[in-house]
């Protein structure tokens, strides 16, 4: 039993693209376990929602016109829904490597994310977020792609608590530079994290103009965290 008073009921467990993935329910809440690592739950959405909301508020004050958002990791759809709640957002592209997570969003999570996948501004790409970053950065460099005003990284529990070992690329200098290359000159990136990570902070400060660490109280009473990094030319 957990402190919520409910034992975990396994709904589905299967071999995904990059390992074992499991959906379980505790009472009315859902949890996703990926390769034995707790990945996301429907009771842990406040911090990722605030990260997206704050980043959009910052860029909205600097940029006119429709805003483009890129999200790494679909989860239960909280980041996607928060981006769609902004009237100025014209496109939200979500990179999700596991097809079953997309299906679960349709079958189980539509009530918690208000059917976010059905919004016409939503584009879900069944692909590795790292590859999406590389492809989009290459297109931007050739003048054929779009720049994103906000990029939300929610693939892991932080740079030292990865759902996939290969995701370390996202948090090193090369990966952060890729993210910056995909951003509008006045854009912002946010990174969800389960805790403060000082080594990662140093890398953010080296690549971005400004960065900050924020904490948010979740429904469980525990803190969720995120980093906000801004691009400010000149």
Protein backbone atom coordinates (compact mmCIF):
# COMPACT_ATOMS: atom_id res chain seq x y z
CA UNK A 1 0.00 0.00 0.00
CA UNK A 2 1.06 3.59 -0.56
CA UNK A 3 0.40 6.63 1.59
CA UNK A 4 -2.61 7.29 -0.68
CA UNK A 5 -4.13 4.07 0.65
CA UNK A 6 -4.32 2.31 -2.71
CA UNK A 7 -2.26 -0.58 -4.01
CA UNK A 8 -1.09 -0.49 -7.62
CA UNK A 9 -3.32 -2.28 -10.12
CA UNK A 10 -1.39 -3.15 -13.28
CA UNK A 11 -3.51 -2.35 -16.33
CA UNK A 12 -1.00 -3.15 -19.04
CA UNK A 13 2.64 -4.19 -19.23
CA UNK A 14 4.42 -4.76 -22.52
CA UNK A 15 7.67 -4.58 -24.44
CA UNK A 16 7.95 -1.12 -25.93
CA UNK A 17 10.33 0.33 -28.50
CA UNK A 18 13.05 0.94 -25.91
CA UNK A 19 12.14 -1.45 -23.11
CA UNK A 20 9.40 -2.55 -20.74
CA UNK A 21 6.62 -0.07 -20.13
CA UNK A 22 3.80 -0.42 -17.64
CA UNK A 23 0.56 1.43 -16.94
CA UNK A 24 -0.87 1.04 -13.46
CA UNK A 25 -3.69 2.62 -11.50
CA UNK A 26 -3.96 3.66 -7.84
CA UNK A 27 -7.54 4.50 -7.07
CA UNK A 28 -8.48 7.08 -9.70
CA UNK A 29 -4.87 8.00 -10.55
CA UNK A 30 -2.59 6.52 -13.22
CA UNK A 31 1.16 5.90 -13.16
CA UNK A 32 3.60 5.05 -15.97
CA UNK A 33 6.68 2.91 -15.21
CA UNK A 34 9.39 2.71 -17.87
CA UNK A 35 12.24 0.20 -17.64
CA UNK A 36 11.61 0.02 -13.92
CA UNK A 37 11.82 3.81 -13.53
CA UNK A 38 8.82 5.82 -12.32
CA UNK A 39 8.13 8.14 -15.24
CA UNK A 40 4.86 10.01 -14.76
CA UNK A 41 1.59 10.03 -12.85
CA UNK A 42 -1.68 11.90 -13.17
CA UNK A 43 -1.17 13.32 -9.66
CA UNK A 44 2.17 14.97 -10.59
CA UNK A 45 1.20 17.53 -13.22
CA UNK A 46 1.44 20.92 -11.52
CA UNK A 47 5.16 21.48 -12.04
CA UNK A 48 5.26 20.58 -15.74
CA UNK A 49 2.16 22.69 -16.36
CA UNK A 50 3.69 25.70 -14.64
CA UNK A 51 6.93 25.25 -16.61
CA UNK A 52 5.08 25.44 -19.93
CA UNK A 53 2.83 28.27 -18.72
CA UNK A 54 5.73 30.40 -17.51
CA UNK A 55 7.79 29.84 -20.67
CA UNK A 56 4.84 30.84 -22.84
CA UNK A 57 4.22 33.96 -20.75
CA UNK A 58 7.84 35.02 -21.21
CA UNK A 59 7.94 34.57 -24.98
CA UNK A 60 4.45 36.05 -25.43
CA UNK A 61 5.71 39.32 -23.96
CA UNK A 62 8.54 39.45 -26.53
CA UNK A 63 7.11 37.95 -29.71
CA UNK A 64 4.06 38.82 -31.82
CA UNK A 65 2.02 36.30 -33.76
CA UNK A 66 1.34 32.57 -33.34
CA UNK A 67 3.67 30.54 -31.14
CA UNK A 68 5.17 27.14 -31.94
CA UNK A 69 5.89 24.65 -29.16
CA UNK A 70 7.93 21.45 -29.17
CA UNK A 71 7.49 18.92 -26.35
CA UNK A 72 9.77 15.97 -25.72
CA UNK A 73 7.71 13.22 -24.09
CA UNK A 74 3.91 12.97 -24.12
CA UNK A 75 3.43 11.47 -20.65
CA UNK A 76 -0.22 11.84 -19.66
CA UNK A 77 -0.60 14.95 -21.81
CA UNK A 78 -0.34 17.66 -19.14
CA UNK A 79 2.37 19.69 -20.90
CA UNK A 80 0.49 19.39 -24.18
CA UNK A 81 -2.77 20.54 -22.62
CA UNK A 82 -1.09 23.50 -20.91
CA UNK A 83 0.42 24.64 -24.21
CA UNK A 84 -2.96 24.32 -25.94
CA UNK A 85 -4.56 26.44 -23.21
CA UNK A 86 -2.63 29.42 -24.58
CA UNK A 87 -4.72 31.05 -27.31
CA UNK A 88 -1.63 32.29 -29.12
CA UNK A 89 -0.23 28.82 -29.66
CA UNK A 90 -0.64 27.73 -33.26
CA UNK A 91 1.26 24.43 -33.20
CA UNK A 92 2.32 21.94 -30.53
CA UNK A 93 4.58 19.21 -31.84
CA UNK A 94 5.08 16.30 -29.44
CA UNK A 95 7.84 13.75 -29.88
CA UNK A 96 6.95 10.41 -28.25
CA UNK A 97 9.03 7.30 -28.88
CA UNK A 98 6.54 4.78 -27.45
CA UNK A 99 3.36 4.20 -29.51
CA UNK A 100 1.57 2.74 -26.50
CA UNK A 101 1.87 6.03 -24.61
CA UNK A 102 0.03 7.72 -27.48
CA UNK A 103 -2.67 5.04 -27.31
CA UNK A 104 -2.97 5.37 -23.54
CA UNK A 105 -3.53 9.09 -23.99
CA UNK A 106 -6.53 8.27 -26.14
CA UNK A 107 -7.84 5.35 -24.08
CA UNK A 108 -7.18 6.47 -20.49
CA UNK A 109 -5.83 10.03 -20.20
CA UNK A 110 -8.23 12.02 -22.37
CA UNK A 111 -10.26 12.95 -19.31
CA UNK A 112 -7.26 14.39 -17.47
CA UNK A 113 -5.85 16.28 -20.48
CA UNK A 114 -9.20 17.34 -21.94
CA UNK A 115 -8.76 15.32 -25.16
CA UNK A 116 -5.57 17.19 -26.06
CA UNK A 117 -4.71 14.82 -28.90
CA UNK A 118 -7.88 15.82 -30.72
CA UNK A 119 -6.98 19.51 -30.86
CA UNK A 120 -6.16 20.46 -34.49
CA UNK A 121 -3.04 22.31 -33.31
CA UNK A 122 -1.55 19.06 -31.97
CA UNK A 123 1.00 17.14 -34.03
CA UNK A 124 2.27 13.94 -32.41
CA UNK A 125 5.43 12.49 -33.94
CA UNK A 126 6.17 8.86 -33.09
CA UNK A 127 9.92 9.31 -32.85
CA UNK A 128 12.85 9.70 -30.50
CA UNK A 129 13.03 13.26 -29.15
CA UNK A 130 16.79 13.29 -29.73
CA UNK A 131 16.28 12.50 -33.41
CA UNK A 132 13.54 15.12 -33.73
CA UNK A 133 15.89 17.75 -32.31
CA UNK A 134 18.64 16.76 -34.75
CA UNK A 135 16.30 16.78 -37.76
CA UNK A 136 14.62 20.07 -36.85
CA UNK A 137 17.94 21.80 -36.11
CA UNK A 138 19.27 20.69 -39.50
CA UNK A 139 16.18 22.06 -41.26
CA UNK A 140 16.41 25.37 -39.41
CA UNK A 141 20.08 25.61 -40.35
CA UNK A 142 19.14 25.16 -44.02
CA UNK A 143 16.37 27.76 -43.74
CA UNK A 144 13.64 25.19 -44.39
CA UNK A 145 12.35 24.49 -40.89
CA UNK A 146 10.43 26.40 -38.24
CA UNK A 147 11.87 27.73 -35.02
CA UNK A 148 10.08 26.91 -31.81
CA UNK A 149 9.22 29.61 -29.33
CA UNK A 150 9.08 27.13 -26.44
CA UNK A 151 10.66 23.70 -26.05
CA UNK A 152 9.59 21.56 -23.10
CA UNK A 153 11.83 18.60 -22.19
CA UNK A 154 9.89 16.04 -20.15
CA UNK A 155 11.47 12.76 -21.19
CA UNK A 156 13.17 11.94 -17.88
CA UNK A 157 13.25 12.74 -14.17
CA UNK A 158 16.24 15.00 -14.73
CA UNK A 159 19.72 14.83 -16.23
CA UNK A 160 20.91 12.26 -13.67
CA UNK A 161 17.71 10.18 -13.49
CA UNK A 162 17.10 9.04 -17.05
CA UNK A 163 14.33 6.85 -18.45
CA UNK A 164 16.76 5.83 -21.21
CA UNK A 165 20.58 5.98 -20.92
CA UNK A 166 20.86 7.47 -24.43
CA UNK A 167 18.84 10.49 -23.25
CA UNK A 168 22.01 11.78 -21.62
CA UNK A 169 22.65 13.50 -24.97
CA UNK A 170 19.76 15.87 -24.29
CA UNK A 171 21.40 17.22 -21.15
CA UNK A 172 25.01 17.53 -22.27
CA UNK A 173 26.41 20.58 -24.05
CA UNK A 174 25.83 19.10 -27.50
CA UNK A 175 22.18 18.40 -26.76
CA UNK A 176 21.57 21.78 -25.16
CA UNK A 177 23.11 23.47 -28.19
CA UNK A 178 20.75 21.46 -30.41
CA UNK A 179 17.80 22.71 -28.36
CA UNK A 180 19.05 26.28 -28.60
CA UNK A 181 19.48 25.91 -32.37
CA UNK A 182 15.82 24.89 -32.64
CA UNK A 183 14.63 27.92 -30.66
CA UNK A 184 13.47 31.31 -31.87
CA UNK A 185 16.01 34.07 -31.00
CA UNK A 186 13.73 35.11 -28.14
CA UNK A 187 12.59 31.62 -27.21
CA UNK A 188 12.72 29.61 -23.98
CA UNK A 189 13.31 26.00 -23.02
CA UNK A 190 12.13 24.24 -19.87
CA UNK A 191 13.39 20.98 -18.40
CA UNK A 192 11.40 18.98 -15.86
CA UNK A 193 13.48 17.53 -13.02
CA UNK A 194 12.76 15.61 -9.85
CA UNK A 195 15.49 17.52 -7.99
CA UNK A 196 18.09 20.23 -8.28
CA UNK A 197 21.15 19.23 -10.34
CA UNK A 198 24.05 21.64 -10.05
CA UNK A 199 26.17 20.13 -12.83
CA UNK A 200 23.27 20.60 -15.24
CA UNK A 201 22.85 24.20 -14.09
CA UNK A 202 26.44 24.95 -15.08
CA UNK A 203 25.81 23.62 -18.60
CA UNK A 204 22.63 25.68 -18.94
CA UNK A 205 24.50 28.82 -17.94
CA UNK A 206 27.14 28.11 -20.57
CA UNK A 207 24.67 27.64 -23.44
CA UNK A 208 21.75 29.96 -22.64
CA UNK A 209 21.57 33.67 -21.83
CA UNK A 210 19.64 33.12 -18.60
CA UNK A 211 18.52 30.13 -16.59
CA UNK A 212 16.67 29.59 -13.33
CA UNK A 213 15.48 26.75 -11.12
CA UNK A 214 11.88 26.58 -9.85
CA UNK A 215 9.93 24.33 -7.50
CA UNK A 216 6.19 23.65 -7.40
CA UNK A 217 4.15 21.83 -4.76
CA UNK A 218 2.33 18.84 -6.22
CA UNK A 219 -0.94 17.28 -4.99
CA UNK A 220 1.08 14.67 -3.14
CA UNK A 221 2.70 17.37 -0.98
CA UNK A 222 6.09 16.76 -2.62
CA UNK A 223 7.90 19.28 -4.77
CA UNK A 224 8.23 19.01 -8.53
CA UNK A 225 11.02 21.00 -10.15
CA UNK A 226 11.98 22.50 -13.47
CA UNK A 227 14.66 24.61 -15.11
CA UNK A 228 13.79 27.54 -17.34
CA UNK A 229 16.42 28.65 -19.88
CA UNK A 230 16.06 31.71 -22.11
CA UNK A 231 17.61 32.85 -25.35
CA UNK A 232 18.14 36.61 -25.39
CA UNK A 233 20.23 37.89 -28.31
CA UNK A 234 22.66 40.68 -27.55
